[in-house]
N, C-alpha and C. Protein backbone atom coordinates (compact mmCIF):
# COMPACT_ATOMS: atom_id res chain seq x y z
N MET A 1 0.23 -16.61 -4.78
CA MET A 1 -0.68 -16.28 -4.58
C MET A 1 0.02 -15.00 -3.51
N LYS A 2 0.58 -15.01 -2.66
CA LYS A 2 0.75 -14.05 -1.62
C LYS A 2 1.12 -12.82 -2.54
N LYS A 3 1.93 -12.88 -3.79
CA LYS A 3 2.08 -11.73 -4.55
C LYS A 3 1.17 -10.90 -4.98
N ARG A 4 0.48 -11.54 -5.72
CA ARG A 4 -1.26 -11.65 -6.05
C ARG A 4 -1.90 -10.52 -4.79
N THR A 5 -1.90 -10.82 -3.71
CA THR A 5 -2.84 -9.99 -2.44
C THR A 5 -1.49 -8.98 -2.32
N LEU A 6 -0.71 -9.17 -2.43
CA LEU A 6 -0.26 -7.84 -2.15
C LEU A 6 -0.16 -6.75 -2.79
N TYR A 7 -0.25 -7.09 -4.47
CA TYR A 7 -0.83 -6.28 -5.63
C TYR A 7 -1.71 -5.76 -5.40
N LEU A 8 -3.15 -6.68 -4.87
CA LEU A 8 -4.25 -6.11 -4.97
C LEU A 8 -3.93 -4.78 -3.69
N VAL A 9 -3.69 -5.35 -2.63
CA VAL A 9 -3.53 -4.70 -1.62
C VAL A 9 -2.75 -2.89 -2.17
N PHE A 10 -1.70 -3.57 -2.97
CA PHE A 10 -1.18 -2.08 -3.16
C PHE A 10 -2.05 -1.01 -4.48
N LEU A 11 -2.95 -1.82 -5.46
CA LEU A 11 -3.66 -1.02 -6.26
C LEU A 11 -4.82 -0.33 -5.66
N THR A 12 -5.21 -1.17 -4.44
CA THR A 12 -6.20 -0.74 -4.35
C THR A 12 -5.78 0.72 -2.60
N VAL A 13 -4.70 0.37 -2.31
CA VAL A 13 -4.04 1.74 -1.75
C VAL A 13 -3.82 3.09 -3.00
N CYS A 14 -3.47 2.30 -3.76
CA CYS A 14 -3.10 3.92 -4.96
C CYS A 14 -4.31 4.24 -5.31
N PHE A 15 -5.16 3.54 -5.71
CA PHE A 15 -6.22 4.23 -5.65
C PHE A 15 -7.17 4.87 -4.97
N SER A 16 -7.69 4.26 -4.31
CA SER A 16 -8.25 4.74 -2.91
C SER A 16 -7.58 5.89 -2.68
N SER A 17 -6.06 6.02 -2.25
CA SER A 17 -5.05 7.70 -2.24
C SER A 17 -5.37 8.77 -3.50
N THR A 18 -5.75 8.52 -4.14
CA THR A 18 -5.99 9.40 -5.74
C THR A 18 -7.54 9.64 -5.71
N LEU A 19 -8.57 9.33 -4.77
CA LEU A 19 -9.68 10.11 -5.00
C LEU A 19 -9.60 10.81 -4.36
N HIS A 20 -9.08 11.18 -3.00
CA HIS A 20 -8.72 12.69 -2.73
C HIS A 20 -7.75 13.36 -2.99
N ALA A 21 -7.17 13.23 -3.86
CA ALA A 21 -6.15 14.47 -4.80
C ALA A 21 -6.90 14.45 -5.79
N GLN A 22 -5.65 15.89 -6.60
CA GLN A 22 -6.52 16.65 -7.29
C GLN A 22 -6.99 15.97 -8.75
N ASN A 23 -5.40 15.47 -9.19
CA ASN A 23 -5.42 14.72 -10.32
C ASN A 23 -5.79 14.87 -11.52
N THR A 24 -6.07 16.49 -11.26
CA THR A 24 -6.13 16.79 -13.10
C THR A 24 -5.76 18.83 -12.63
N ILE A 25 -5.57 18.84 -13.91
CA ILE A 25 -4.41 20.23 -14.15
C ILE A 25 -6.34 21.06 -14.84
N GLU A 26 -7.16 21.77 -13.99
CA GLU A 26 -7.83 22.47 -14.18
C GLU A 26 -7.54 24.19 -14.83
N VAL A 27 -7.78 24.78 -15.43
CA VAL A 27 -8.11 26.36 -15.49
C VAL A 27 -9.25 26.81 -14.34
N PRO A 28 -8.68 27.96 -13.37
CA PRO A 28 -9.40 28.18 -12.91
C PRO A 28 -10.22 29.22 -13.30
N LYS A 29 -11.14 29.99 -12.96
CA LYS A 29 -11.95 31.06 -14.00
C LYS A 29 -11.59 32.35 -13.55
N GLY A 30 -11.42 33.03 -14.90
CA GLY A 30 -10.63 33.99 -14.58
C GLY A 30 -8.99 33.93 -15.26
N TYR A 31 -8.61 32.92 -15.35
CA TYR A 31 -7.04 33.02 -15.72
C TYR A 31 -7.38 32.72 -17.63
N SER A 32 -6.22 33.21 -18.01
CA SER A 32 -6.39 32.75 -19.28
C SER A 32 -5.59 30.98 -18.99
N THR A 33 -6.34 30.38 -20.77
CA THR A 33 -5.00 28.71 -20.42
C THR A 33 -3.95 28.86 -19.46
N GLN A 34 -2.93 29.49 -20.59
CA GLN A 34 -1.90 29.29 -19.68
C GLN A 34 -1.21 29.21 -18.33
N ILE A 35 -1.62 30.64 -18.20
CA ILE A 35 -1.27 30.80 -16.96
C ILE A 35 -2.13 30.69 -15.93
N GLY A 36 -3.79 29.62 -15.87
CA GLY A 36 -4.74 29.03 -15.13
C GLY A 36 -3.82 27.39 -14.78
N ASN A 37 -3.26 27.04 -15.55
CA ASN A 37 -2.71 25.72 -15.62
C ASN A 37 -1.94 25.95 -14.91
N MET A 38 -0.84 27.06 -14.95
CA MET A 38 0.23 26.98 -13.72
C MET A 38 0.47 27.37 -11.97
N VAL A 39 -1.39 28.07 -12.49
CA VAL A 39 -2.14 28.48 -10.94
C VAL A 39 -2.66 27.62 -10.16
N SER A 40 -3.72 26.21 -10.73
CA SER A 40 -3.26 24.85 -11.01
C SER A 40 -2.47 24.50 -10.10
N MET A 41 -1.53 24.23 -11.22
CA MET A 41 -0.28 23.87 -10.42
C MET A 41 0.41 24.52 -9.43
N LEU A 42 0.85 25.57 -8.92
CA LEU A 42 1.11 25.96 -7.87
C LEU A 42 0.28 25.81 -7.04
N GLU A 43 -1.25 26.13 -6.65
CA GLU A 43 -2.30 26.15 -6.05
C GLU A 43 -1.88 24.66 -5.16
N ASP A 44 -2.46 23.41 -5.88
CA ASP A 44 -1.74 22.02 -5.80
C ASP A 44 -0.39 22.00 -4.98
N LEU A 45 0.40 22.79 -5.40
CA LEU A 45 1.64 22.29 -4.75
C LEU A 45 1.78 22.81 -3.58
N LYS A 46 1.55 24.03 -3.28
CA LYS A 46 0.97 25.14 -1.71
C LYS A 46 0.09 23.96 -0.97
N ALA A 47 -1.16 23.74 -1.72
CA ALA A 47 -1.64 22.77 -0.86
C ALA A 47 -0.91 21.42 -0.70
N ARG A 48 -0.60 20.48 -0.76
CA ARG A 48 -0.18 19.56 -0.50
C ARG A 48 1.09 19.88 0.81
N LEU A 49 1.94 21.17 0.42
CA LEU A 49 2.98 21.52 1.26
C LEU A 49 2.33 21.78 2.58
N THR A 50 1.17 22.38 2.71
CA THR A 50 0.71 22.98 3.63
C THR A 50 0.05 21.90 4.62
N ALA A 51 -0.62 21.05 3.86
CA ALA A 51 -1.15 20.37 4.48
C ALA A 51 0.16 19.05 5.14
N SER A 52 1.10 18.84 4.16
CA SER A 52 2.56 18.35 5.51
C SER A 52 2.86 18.94 6.91
N VAL A 53 2.61 20.04 6.62
CA VAL A 53 3.27 21.25 7.68
C VAL A 53 2.51 21.64 8.74
N VAL A 54 1.48 21.88 8.63
CA VAL A 54 -0.39 22.35 9.52
C VAL A 54 -0.49 21.91 10.52
N ASN A 55 0.56 20.74 10.99
CA ASN A 55 -0.06 20.32 12.75
C ASN A 55 1.53 20.18 13.06
N LEU A 56 2.15 20.83 13.01
CA LEU A 56 3.81 19.86 12.87
C LEU A 56 3.87 21.34 14.58
N ASN A 57 4.29 20.89 15.66
CA ASN A 57 4.47 21.47 16.80
C ASN A 57 5.72 22.52 16.54
N GLN A 58 6.20 23.09 17.93
CA GLN A 58 7.11 24.53 17.80
C GLN A 58 8.53 23.55 17.53
N ASN A 59 8.35 22.42 18.50
CA ASN A 59 9.72 21.86 18.10
C ASN A 59 9.78 21.29 16.38
N GLU A 60 8.93 20.92 16.01
CA GLU A 60 9.43 20.11 14.51
C GLU A 60 9.58 21.44 13.32
N VAL A 61 8.55 22.91 13.90
CA VAL A 61 8.58 23.92 12.79
C VAL A 61 10.44 24.36 12.88
N ASP A 62 10.86 24.12 14.29
CA ASP A 62 12.32 25.06 14.31
C ASP A 62 13.23 23.68 14.52
N PHE A 63 13.12 22.89 13.91
CA PHE A 63 14.44 21.31 14.38
C PHE A 63 15.24 21.64 13.21
N LEU A 64 16.33 21.77 13.53
CA LEU A 64 17.93 21.43 12.36
C LEU A 64 18.19 20.25 12.83
N LEU A 65 18.18 20.04 10.93
CA LEU A 65 18.88 18.34 10.85
C LEU A 65 20.15 18.58 11.73
N ASP A 66 21.06 19.79 10.94
CA ASP A 66 22.66 19.96 11.40
C ASP A 66 22.87 20.99 11.41
N ASP A 67 24.28 21.25 11.40
CA ASP A 67 24.52 23.47 11.68
C ASP A 67 24.75 24.11 10.53
N ASP A 68 24.13 23.20 9.33
CA ASP A 68 23.95 23.83 8.19
C ASP A 68 22.82 24.12 7.17
N ALA A 69 22.19 23.72 8.26
CA ALA A 69 20.39 23.16 7.30
C ALA A 69 19.55 24.45 7.47
N ASN A 70 18.48 24.03 7.03
CA ASN A 70 17.25 25.21 7.55
C ASN A 70 16.09 24.93 8.14
N ARG A 71 15.58 25.84 9.28
CA ARG A 71 14.48 25.50 10.30
C ARG A 71 13.36 25.62 8.78
N ILE A 72 12.08 23.97 9.11
CA ILE A 72 11.34 23.84 8.40
C ILE A 72 10.30 25.63 8.09
N GLY A 73 10.11 25.92 9.48
CA GLY A 73 9.78 27.90 9.27
C GLY A 73 10.09 28.66 8.40
N ALA A 74 11.77 28.81 8.46
CA ALA A 74 12.48 29.11 7.09
C ALA A 74 12.30 28.71 5.91
N MET A 75 12.21 27.74 5.66
CA MET A 75 12.06 27.59 4.34
C MET A 75 10.64 27.89 3.87
N ILE A 76 9.66 27.41 4.59
CA ILE A 76 8.28 27.90 3.73
C ILE A 76 8.62 29.84 3.67
N LEU A 77 8.94 30.71 5.00
CA LEU A 77 9.37 32.05 4.49
C LEU A 77 10.33 31.79 3.52
N HIS A 78 11.29 31.17 2.55
CA HIS A 78 12.19 31.58 1.92
C HIS A 78 11.23 31.17 0.02
N LEU A 79 10.30 29.93 0.70
CA LEU A 79 9.33 30.09 -0.59
C LEU A 79 8.60 31.36 -0.89
N THR A 80 8.19 32.15 0.30
CA THR A 80 7.62 33.05 -0.17
C THR A 80 8.24 34.18 -0.47
N ALA A 81 9.35 34.66 0.81
CA ALA A 81 9.74 35.40 -0.49
C ALA A 81 10.83 35.03 -1.40
N THR A 82 10.91 33.52 -2.71
CA THR A 82 10.98 33.63 -4.00
C THR A 82 10.08 34.02 -4.51
N GLU A 83 8.65 33.95 -4.13
CA GLU A 83 7.45 34.04 -4.99
C GLU A 83 7.27 35.47 -4.89
N LYS A 84 7.38 36.08 -4.01
CA LYS A 84 7.58 37.63 -3.57
C LYS A 84 8.39 38.58 -4.42
N TYR A 85 9.70 37.88 -4.52
CA TYR A 85 10.50 38.06 -5.91
C TYR A 85 9.91 38.24 -7.12
N TYR A 86 9.55 36.94 -7.61
CA TYR A 86 9.09 36.85 -8.84
C TYR A 86 7.57 37.65 -9.09
N GLN A 87 6.95 38.24 -8.09
CA GLN A 87 6.06 38.93 -8.10
C GLN A 87 7.04 40.08 -8.74
N LEU A 88 7.47 41.03 -8.32
CA LEU A 88 8.77 42.02 -8.00
C LEU A 88 8.94 41.81 -9.66
N TYR A 89 10.00 40.89 -9.55
CA TYR A 89 10.36 40.89 -11.21
C TYR A 89 9.31 40.62 -11.93
N THR A 90 8.54 39.50 -12.75
CA THR A 90 7.55 39.83 -13.50
C THR A 90 6.34 40.65 -13.57
N PHE A 91 5.84 41.42 -13.06
CA PHE A 91 4.69 42.50 -12.71
C PHE A 91 5.10 43.78 -12.92
N GLU A 92 6.64 44.37 -11.91
CA GLU A 92 7.16 44.87 -12.07
C GLU A 92 8.20 45.60 -12.90
N ASN A 93 9.11 44.75 -13.26
CA ASN A 93 10.08 44.25 -14.49
C ASN A 93 11.27 45.45 -13.25
N ARG A 94 11.47 44.59 -11.72
CA ARG A 94 12.41 44.98 -11.30
C ARG A 94 12.36 43.90 -9.90
N SER A 95 14.19 44.50 -9.31
CA SER A 95 13.84 43.89 -8.22
C SER A 95 13.88 44.11 -7.03
N LEU A 96 14.31 43.86 -5.64
CA LEU A 96 13.57 43.90 -4.43
C LEU A 96 14.31 45.39 -4.25
N ASN A 97 12.99 46.85 -3.77
CA ASN A 97 13.82 47.60 -3.19
C ASN A 97 14.16 47.61 -1.92
N LYS A 98 14.76 49.32 -1.45
CA LYS A 98 15.48 49.26 -0.27
C LYS A 98 14.53 48.45 1.00
N ASP A 99 13.63 49.03 1.01
CA ASP A 99 12.45 48.24 1.91
C ASP A 99 11.73 46.92 2.29
N GLU A 100 12.03 46.58 0.71
CA GLU A 100 11.42 45.49 0.73
C GLU A 100 12.67 44.24 0.66
N ASN A 101 14.22 44.84 0.99
CA ASN A 101 15.42 43.95 1.51
C ASN A 101 15.03 43.89 2.64
N GLU A 102 14.57 45.12 3.57
CA GLU A 102 14.59 44.64 4.77
C GLU A 102 14.16 43.26 5.34
N THR A 103 12.68 43.29 4.40
CA THR A 103 11.66 42.10 4.77
C THR A 103 12.60 40.75 4.06
N TRP A 104 12.69 40.48 3.07
CA TRP A 104 12.49 39.30 1.82
C TRP A 104 14.10 39.50 1.88
N LEU A 105 14.96 39.77 2.31
CA LEU A 105 16.34 39.32 1.27
C LEU A 105 16.88 37.88 2.50
N MET A 106 16.82 38.15 3.93
CA MET A 106 17.35 36.88 4.52
C MET A 106 16.62 36.09 4.49
N PRO A 107 14.98 36.14 4.50
CA PRO A 107 14.32 34.54 3.94
C PRO A 107 15.31 34.11 2.17
N LEU A 108 14.95 34.71 1.38
CA LEU A 108 15.48 35.26 0.45
C LEU A 108 17.40 33.57 0.38
N GLU A 109 17.74 34.72 0.84
CA GLU A 109 18.85 34.22 1.03
C GLU A 109 19.67 32.94 1.83
N LEU A 110 18.71 32.50 3.51
CA LEU A 110 18.92 32.01 4.32
C LEU A 110 20.23 31.53 5.00
N GLY A 111 20.48 30.55 5.31
CA GLY A 111 21.82 30.79 5.97
C GLY A 111 22.09 31.12 7.50
N LYS A 112 23.24 31.19 7.88
CA LYS A 112 23.21 31.85 9.31
C LYS A 112 22.47 32.31 10.00
N PRO A 113 22.18 33.65 9.25
CA PRO A 113 21.20 34.59 9.99
C PRO A 113 19.74 34.13 10.32
N ALA A 114 19.37 33.35 9.26
CA ALA A 114 17.53 32.93 9.39
C ALA A 114 17.78 31.59 10.52
N ARG A 115 18.80 30.70 10.24
CA ARG A 115 18.88 29.76 11.64
C ARG A 115 18.71 30.68 12.42
N SER A 116 18.94 31.89 13.20
CA SER A 116 19.12 32.48 14.79
C SER A 116 17.98 32.98 14.74
N GLU A 117 17.22 34.03 13.81
CA GLU A 117 16.38 34.52 13.31
C GLU A 117 15.23 34.34 13.08
N LEU A 118 14.56 33.47 12.43
CA LEU A 118 13.63 32.51 12.47
C LEU A 118 13.79 31.84 13.02
N VAL A 119 12.94 31.49 14.39
CA VAL A 119 13.01 30.57 15.20
C VAL A 119 11.84 31.00 15.73
N ASN A 120 11.00 30.34 17.20
CA ASN A 120 10.19 30.59 17.86
C ASN A 120 9.07 31.10 17.50
N LYS A 121 8.21 31.13 16.14
CA LYS A 121 7.49 31.47 15.60
C LYS A 121 6.41 29.76 14.96
N PRO A 122 5.28 29.94 15.53
CA PRO A 122 4.61 28.90 15.07
C PRO A 122 4.18 28.56 13.29
N ILE A 123 4.20 27.95 12.92
CA ILE A 123 4.16 27.08 11.36
C ILE A 123 2.93 28.64 10.88
N SER A 124 1.83 28.54 11.67
CA SER A 124 0.63 29.79 11.15
C SER A 124 1.24 30.74 11.11
N TYR A 125 2.46 31.84 11.73
CA TYR A 125 3.47 32.71 11.22
C TYR A 125 3.48 32.74 9.59
N TYR A 126 4.21 31.48 9.55
CA TYR A 126 5.14 31.17 8.17
C TYR A 126 3.49 31.06 6.53
N LEU A 127 2.75 30.53 7.38
CA LEU A 127 2.00 29.82 6.14
C LEU A 127 0.79 31.24 6.20
N ASP A 128 0.81 31.67 7.25
CA ASP A 128 -0.38 32.89 7.10
C ASP A 128 0.50 33.95 5.92
N ILE A 129 1.58 34.20 6.31
CA ILE A 129 3.19 35.33 5.34
C ILE A 129 2.68 34.79 3.62
N TRP A 130 2.76 33.50 3.24
CA TRP A 130 2.67 32.59 2.61
C TRP A 130 0.92 32.98 1.88
N ASP A 131 0.21 32.96 2.49
CA ASP A 131 -1.01 32.97 2.48
C ASP A 131 -1.57 34.52 1.22
N ALA A 132 -0.75 35.27 2.19
CA ALA A 132 -0.53 36.45 2.16
C ALA A 132 -0.41 37.45 0.65
N VAL A 133 1.13 36.61 0.05
CA VAL A 133 1.84 36.67 -1.08
C VAL A 133 1.30 35.92 -1.82
N ARG A 134 0.81 34.82 -1.59
CA ARG A 134 -0.49 34.10 -2.56
C ARG A 134 -1.42 34.39 -3.07
N LYS A 135 -1.98 35.11 -2.62
CA LYS A 135 -3.36 36.11 -2.79
C LYS A 135 -2.71 36.63 -3.66
N GLU A 136 -2.00 37.80 -3.93
CA GLU A 136 -1.57 38.87 -4.46
C GLU A 136 -0.89 38.40 -5.75
N THR A 137 -0.50 37.15 -5.72
CA THR A 137 0.34 36.64 -6.78
C THR A 137 -1.12 36.07 -7.92
N LEU A 138 -2.14 35.60 -7.15
CA LEU A 138 -3.05 35.00 -8.27
C LEU A 138 -3.71 36.19 -8.32
N LYS A 139 -4.07 37.11 -7.76
CA LYS A 139 -4.74 38.33 -8.62
C LYS A 139 -3.48 38.88 -9.33
N LEU A 140 -2.76 39.03 -9.67
CA LEU A 140 -1.52 39.44 -10.78
C LEU A 140 -2.23 38.99 -11.99
N LEU A 141 -2.14 37.75 -11.47
CA LEU A 141 -2.19 36.56 -12.44
C LEU A 141 -2.77 36.99 -13.31
N LYS A 142 -4.15 36.87 -12.88
CA LYS A 142 -5.43 37.30 -13.35
C LYS A 142 -5.58 38.77 -13.80
N THR A 143 -4.63 39.47 -13.99
CA THR A 143 -4.48 40.35 -14.64
C THR A 143 -3.78 40.41 -15.84
N LYS A 144 -2.97 39.23 -16.04
CA LYS A 144 -2.21 39.08 -17.81
C LYS A 144 -3.43 37.95 -18.48
N ASP A 145 -2.53 38.07 -19.85
CA ASP A 145 -3.45 36.81 -20.31
C ASP A 145 -1.69 36.11 -21.02
N ASP A 146 -2.11 34.69 -21.54
CA ASP A 146 -0.91 33.73 -22.60
C ASP A 146 -0.01 34.53 -22.68
N THR A 147 -0.28 35.96 -23.84
CA THR A 147 0.34 36.73 -24.39
C THR A 147 1.86 36.80 -23.56
N TRP A 148 1.15 37.73 -22.84
CA TRP A 148 1.72 38.04 -21.39
C TRP A 148 2.63 36.95 -20.93
N PHE A 149 2.23 36.21 -20.78
CA PHE A 149 2.23 35.05 -20.34
C PHE A 149 4.20 34.12 -20.91
N ASN A 150 3.67 34.18 -22.41
CA ASN A 150 4.76 33.85 -23.45
C ASN A 150 6.27 35.10 -23.72
N SER A 151 5.66 35.93 -23.38
CA SER A 151 6.67 37.24 -23.44
C SER A 151 7.78 37.26 -22.45
N LYS A 152 8.90 37.57 -23.02
CA LYS A 152 10.03 37.87 -21.99
C LYS A 152 10.23 38.87 -21.13
N VAL A 153 9.99 38.71 -19.90
CA VAL A 153 10.96 39.73 -18.98
C VAL A 153 11.57 40.72 -19.60
N LYS A 154 11.39 42.06 -19.15
CA LYS A 154 12.13 43.66 -19.78
C LYS A 154 13.42 42.20 -19.15
N ASN A 155 14.76 43.11 -19.81
CA ASN A 155 15.78 42.84 -19.55
C ASN A 155 16.59 41.50 -19.29
N SER A 156 15.46 40.19 -20.31
CA SER A 156 16.12 38.83 -19.13
C SER A 156 16.03 37.57 -20.27
N SER A 157 16.66 36.51 -20.21
CA SER A 157 16.68 35.49 -21.54
C SER A 157 15.40 35.20 -21.05
N MET A 158 14.82 35.54 -20.14
CA MET A 158 13.36 34.45 -19.53
C MET A 158 12.15 34.52 -20.12
N ASN A 159 11.18 34.08 -20.26
CA ASN A 159 10.15 34.48 -20.67
C ASN A 159 9.39 34.65 -19.12
N ASN A 160 7.43 34.96 -18.89
CA ASN A 160 7.12 34.99 -17.70
C ASN A 160 6.56 33.69 -17.37
N HIS A 161 5.99 32.84 -18.21
CA HIS A 161 5.91 31.43 -18.14
C HIS A 161 7.25 30.64 -17.06
N TRP A 162 8.57 31.25 -17.52
CA TRP A 162 9.45 29.86 -17.09
C TRP A 162 9.51 30.86 -15.78
N ALA A 163 10.03 32.39 -15.58
CA ALA A 163 9.77 32.53 -14.38
C ALA A 163 8.88 31.82 -13.25
N TRP A 164 7.27 31.66 -13.72
CA TRP A 164 6.45 31.19 -12.70
C TRP A 164 6.50 29.70 -12.47
N TYR A 165 6.95 29.04 -14.01
CA TYR A 165 7.79 27.46 -13.64
C TYR A 165 9.10 27.67 -12.17
N HIS A 166 9.89 28.32 -12.67
CA HIS A 166 10.37 28.60 -11.48
C HIS A 166 10.59 28.45 -10.43
N VAL A 167 9.15 29.22 -9.71
CA VAL A 167 8.81 29.57 -8.34
C VAL A 167 7.83 28.03 -8.35
N MET A 168 7.39 27.63 -8.87
CA MET A 168 6.44 25.95 -9.34
C MET A 168 7.65 24.86 -8.76
N GLU A 169 8.67 24.84 -9.11
CA GLU A 169 9.78 23.64 -9.00
C GLU A 169 10.29 23.88 -8.09
N HIS A 170 10.57 25.13 -7.89
CA HIS A 170 11.22 25.22 -6.77
C HIS A 170 10.50 25.35 -5.76
N GLN A 171 8.85 25.13 -5.27
CA GLN A 171 8.54 25.11 -4.27
C GLN A 171 8.35 23.12 -4.09
N ALA A 172 8.76 22.54 -5.35
CA ALA A 172 8.26 20.73 -5.48
C ALA A 172 9.36 20.33 -4.87
N ASN A 173 10.86 20.97 -4.77
CA ASN A 173 12.03 20.87 -4.21
C ASN A 173 12.28 21.04 -2.94
N HIS A 174 11.96 22.48 -2.43
CA HIS A 174 11.95 22.51 -1.09
C HIS A 174 10.63 21.47 -0.22
N MET A 175 9.48 21.40 -0.73
CA MET A 175 8.65 20.01 -0.07
C MET A 175 9.45 18.62 0.09
N GLY A 176 9.71 18.45 -0.87
CA GLY A 176 10.59 17.69 -0.87
C GLY A 176 11.78 17.83 0.91
N GLN A 177 12.78 18.21 0.82
CA GLN A 177 13.36 18.66 1.59
C GLN A 177 12.67 18.94 3.50
N ILE A 178 11.65 19.10 3.00
CA ILE A 178 10.67 19.75 4.06
C ILE A 178 10.64 18.59 4.66
N ARG A 179 9.42 17.40 3.69
CA ARG A 179 9.23 16.33 4.17
C ARG A 179 10.15 15.75 4.84
N LEU A 180 11.42 15.01 4.21
CA LEU A 180 12.67 14.70 4.54
C LEU A 180 12.77 15.10 6.24
N ILE A 181 12.97 16.63 6.43
CA ILE A 181 13.18 16.80 7.21
C ILE A 181 12.13 16.39 8.71
N ILE A 182 10.97 16.68 8.10
CA ILE A 182 10.04 16.44 9.06
C ILE A 182 9.63 14.81 9.27
N LYS A 183 10.50 13.60 8.61
CA LYS A 183 10.49 12.11 8.65
C LYS A 183 11.87 11.74 9.97
N ARG A 184 13.01 13.03 10.03
CA ARG A 184 14.51 13.36 10.52
C ARG A 184 14.21 14.26 12.13
N VAL A 185 12.65 14.60 12.49
CA VAL A 185 12.51 14.98 14.08
C VAL A 185 12.61 14.11 14.84
N PRO A 186 13.62 14.17 15.66
CA PRO A 186 13.10 13.11 17.16
C PRO A 186 12.30 13.33 17.64
N LYS A 187 11.97 11.96 17.75
CA LYS A 187 10.28 11.74 18.17
C LYS A 187 10.44 11.69 19.56
N ASN A 188 9.57 12.00 21.00
CA ASN A 188 9.87 12.26 22.54
C ASN A 188 9.20 11.22 22.18
C-alpha cells in the first residue's frame, strides 16, 4: 500500500509540474517550419535557464566552485558570446572582427581572465546582454527559410541547422552545470 501511495504522489507531482511547462514544440509566427522548431527549443531553454538564475544574489552569481571553475554570470555571458559568434558565422559567414573580439573573446574562452574580470555584476547585467543578442538572433532567423537552414555554411562542413543545434545543445549543457553550481553555493 505504501508503494502505491508513493507512486500516486509521484504521478501527481509529475503531472502537475507539466501543466506549467511548455511540453510542445510549436513554430512561432513568422518562421519557417524547421527554423521555427529550433526557435521554439532555443526560447524554451533560455526561459528555463533564466528561471534558474534570475533570483540569484551577488554571492551566488559570483560563487566559484573551485579555482578552475567559472562563475554563473560568466557562463551566462559565455552562452551569449557563443550565440553572437554563430550569428556572425551563419548570417555573415565570418568570425569575430577586431572590435567584436574586444567584447566577446574573453567570455567565449572563459578561464582565468573571466574569473577576475566577470565579477561584481548582478545577474540582470548578464541576462540583459543575452536578451539583446537573442532579440537579434530571432530577427535574423525570421529572414531565412528552411532551404537556408539546411544549406552549408560557406567554407564549412556544417549546415546552418547544425550550427544552431550546437548553440542549443551548448545552452543545455551549461544549464546543467549552472544548476549544479547553484546547489553547491554555501548557504548563509
